[in-house]
Amino acid sequence: MNLEDTPMPATLTLGPFRVGAAGTLEPMVSDPAPKFTFRWRHRVIYARLLSGEDLDWRLQLSAPLGRVPSSVGAPAASRRTPSFALLRDLPATLPDGWRIGLAADHRVLLEAELRASLPMTATALISEITCFLLTLAPYLDVLDETGLTVPSDPVGVPSGTLKT
């Protein structure tokens, strides 16, 4: 049998997405929101596609960026005050749609929302995420230089994996 004679289905399934003949991704359901996780610079980034009106969806990205050092121990304690000062001033420098906050356990959390017009190709989705990561890079540099510790690995997300 020749592969050229094999009919291709009009759509394929890839995780929570239907892939059209032109390579476009469309969520199969809007509730629960299609989501996946990935790693970048030793951090886990959580991505979700949130439904909007018609084909105007939002790509929500969130990540624990670090943890303010503990007040226990001289080296960590000396980085604590500069870390809080940075977190006080950082929100004014963030791009539109980005929010940064401090959790009760002193984790620094980032949330960002980007527009995602559907249908979109996997290439377009990865391009949006790549632009987000490139914009995030200098913020991570500053956080790392200030002494925020990179969050420990969450349970169930081994290094080098994509989880849907």
Protein backbone atom coordinates (compact mmCIF):
# COMPACT_ATOMS: atom_id res chain seq x y z
CA MET A 1 0.00 0.00 0.00
CA ASN A 2 1.31 3.46 -0.91
CA LEU A 3 1.11 6.18 1.78
CA GLU A 4 0.00 8.68 -0.85
CA ASP A 5 -3.15 6.59 -1.31
CA THR A 6 -3.96 6.66 2.41
CA PRO A 7 -6.63 9.24 3.21
CA MET A 8 -5.66 11.69 5.96
CA PRO A 9 -8.27 12.53 8.55
CA ALA A 10 -9.57 16.12 8.45
CA THR A 11 -8.44 16.63 12.06
CA LEU A 12 -6.08 14.98 14.52
CA THR A 13 -6.05 15.07 18.31
CA LEU A 14 -3.02 16.43 20.17
CA GLY A 15 -3.55 16.52 23.93
CA PRO A 16 -6.45 18.91 24.61
CA PHE A 17 -6.37 20.28 21.03
CA ARG A 18 -7.90 19.39 17.70
CA VAL A 19 -5.36 19.93 14.90
CA GLY A 20 -6.88 21.01 11.59
CA ALA A 21 -5.61 20.12 8.14
CA ALA A 22 -3.75 23.46 7.96
CA GLY A 23 -2.03 22.78 11.29
CA THR A 24 -4.30 25.02 13.35
CA LEU A 25 -4.92 24.22 17.01
CA GLU A 26 -8.38 24.49 18.50
CA PRO A 27 -9.23 23.51 22.08
CA MET A 28 -11.61 20.55 22.10
CA VAL A 29 -13.33 21.90 25.22
CA SER A 30 -13.15 25.22 27.02
CA ASP A 31 -13.89 23.81 30.48
CA PRO A 32 -11.54 22.73 31.86
CA ALA A 33 -9.22 25.11 30.07
CA PRO A 34 -6.55 23.44 27.92
CA LYS A 35 -3.26 23.64 29.80
CA PHE A 36 0.33 22.47 29.79
CA THR A 37 3.55 23.09 31.70
CA PHE A 38 7.12 23.56 30.59
CA ARG A 39 10.48 24.46 32.12
CA TRP A 40 12.70 27.41 31.44
CA ARG A 41 15.76 28.53 33.42
CA HIS A 42 15.07 26.01 36.20
CA ARG A 43 11.51 27.27 36.65
CA VAL A 44 8.20 25.62 35.80
CA ILE A 45 5.86 27.76 33.70
CA TYR A 46 2.16 26.93 33.68
CA ALA A 47 0.20 27.81 30.52
CA ARG A 48 -3.58 27.79 30.06
CA LEU A 49 -5.81 28.87 27.20
CA LEU A 50 -8.81 30.68 28.67
CA SER A 51 -11.92 31.09 26.55
CA GLY A 52 -13.08 34.54 25.60
CA GLU A 53 -15.62 35.85 23.17
CA ASP A 54 -15.82 33.92 19.88
CA LEU A 55 -12.23 33.18 18.80
CA ASP A 56 -10.55 35.77 21.01
CA TRP A 57 -8.96 33.68 23.75
CA ARG A 58 -6.31 34.51 26.37
CA LEU A 59 -3.06 32.69 27.01
CA GLN A 60 -2.44 32.78 30.76
CA LEU A 61 1.13 32.10 31.88
CA SER A 62 2.09 31.77 35.53
CA ALA A 63 5.23 30.77 37.38
CA PRO A 64 6.85 30.80 40.79
CA LEU A 65 9.96 32.84 39.98
CA GLY A 66 11.84 32.46 43.24
CA ARG A 67 11.65 32.69 46.99
CA VAL A 68 12.70 35.56 49.23
CA PRO A 69 15.62 34.30 51.34
CA SER A 70 14.93 33.26 54.91
CA SER A 71 15.96 35.45 57.81
CA VAL A 72 17.77 32.43 59.29
CA GLY A 73 21.51 32.50 58.65
CA ALA A 74 23.71 35.49 57.92
CA PRO A 75 24.19 35.08 54.13
CA ALA A 76 20.48 34.62 53.42
CA ALA A 77 19.38 37.32 55.84
CA SER A 78 21.62 39.89 54.15
CA ARG A 79 19.78 39.28 50.83
CA ARG A 80 16.32 39.58 52.38
CA THR A 81 16.03 43.40 52.55
CA PRO A 82 17.23 43.98 48.95
CA SER A 83 14.81 41.28 47.77
CA PHE A 84 11.81 43.01 49.37
CA ALA A 85 12.96 46.38 47.99
CA LEU A 86 13.15 44.92 44.49
CA LEU A 87 9.69 43.36 44.79
CA ARG A 88 8.25 46.70 45.89
CA ASP A 89 9.65 48.49 42.80
CA LEU A 90 9.33 45.72 40.19
CA PRO A 91 5.59 45.96 39.37
CA ALA A 92 5.99 49.44 37.87
CA THR A 93 8.40 48.03 35.26
CA LEU A 94 6.33 45.04 34.13
CA PRO A 95 4.69 44.89 30.68
CA ASP A 96 0.92 45.37 30.41
CA GLY A 97 -0.99 42.28 31.48
CA TRP A 98 1.76 41.06 33.83
CA ARG A 99 1.32 40.89 37.62
CA ILE A 100 3.81 39.90 40.28
CA GLY A 101 3.00 39.00 43.86
CA LEU A 102 4.37 37.54 47.03
CA ALA A 103 2.78 34.40 48.48
CA ALA A 104 2.48 33.79 52.22
CA ASP A 105 5.43 31.37 52.03
CA HIS A 106 7.54 34.15 50.38
CA ARG A 107 7.44 32.68 46.88
CA VAL A 108 7.49 35.33 44.16
CA LEU A 109 4.67 34.56 41.72
CA LEU A 110 4.19 35.91 38.20
CA GLU A 111 1.00 35.89 36.15
CA ALA A 112 0.75 37.18 32.61
CA GLU A 113 -2.08 37.21 30.10
CA LEU A 114 -1.59 37.43 26.35
CA ARG A 115 -4.18 37.51 23.57
CA ALA A 116 -4.54 34.29 21.63
CA SER A 117 -6.72 34.49 18.54
CA LEU A 118 -8.01 31.11 17.49
CA PRO A 119 -7.49 29.12 15.46
CA MET A 120 -3.70 29.35 15.82
CA THR A 121 -0.95 27.02 14.75
CA ALA A 122 1.41 25.28 17.14
CA THR A 123 4.15 27.48 15.67
CA ALA A 124 2.19 30.64 16.55
CA LEU A 125 1.57 29.36 20.09
CA ILE A 126 5.24 28.55 20.61
CA SER A 127 6.19 31.95 19.14
CA GLU A 128 3.93 33.74 21.67
CA ILE A 129 5.46 31.76 24.52
CA THR A 130 8.99 32.41 23.24
CA CYS A 131 8.35 36.17 23.11
CA PHE A 132 7.07 35.98 26.69
CA LEU A 133 10.20 34.10 27.81
CA LEU A 134 12.55 36.53 26.07
CA THR A 135 10.77 39.45 27.75
CA LEU A 136 10.93 37.62 31.10
CA ALA A 137 14.69 36.93 30.87
CA PRO A 138 16.00 40.29 32.19
CA TYR A 139 13.56 40.15 35.11
CA LEU A 140 14.88 36.71 36.05
CA ASP A 141 18.44 38.04 35.79
CA VAL A 142 17.65 40.82 38.27
CA LEU A 143 15.81 38.47 40.63
CA ASP A 144 18.71 36.00 40.54
CA GLU A 145 21.28 38.76 41.15
CA THR A 146 19.29 40.03 44.12
CA GLY A 147 19.48 36.61 45.74
CA LEU A 148 16.03 35.14 45.33
CA THR A 149 16.37 31.38 45.38
CA VAL A 150 14.99 29.39 42.46
CA PRO A 151 11.92 27.44 43.59
CA SER A 152 12.39 23.75 44.17
CA ASP A 153 10.93 21.32 41.66
CA PRO A 154 7.21 20.73 42.13
CA VAL A 155 6.13 17.14 42.61
CA GLY A 156 5.20 15.42 39.37
CA VAL A 157 7.07 17.64 36.89
CA PRO A 158 10.40 15.95 36.18
CA SER A 159 13.06 17.91 34.35
CA GLY A 160 12.83 17.96 30.57
CA THR A 161 9.18 17.01 30.29
CA LEU A 162 6.04 18.54 28.89
CA LYS A 163 2.94 17.81 30.89
CA THR A 164 -0.54 18.30 29.41
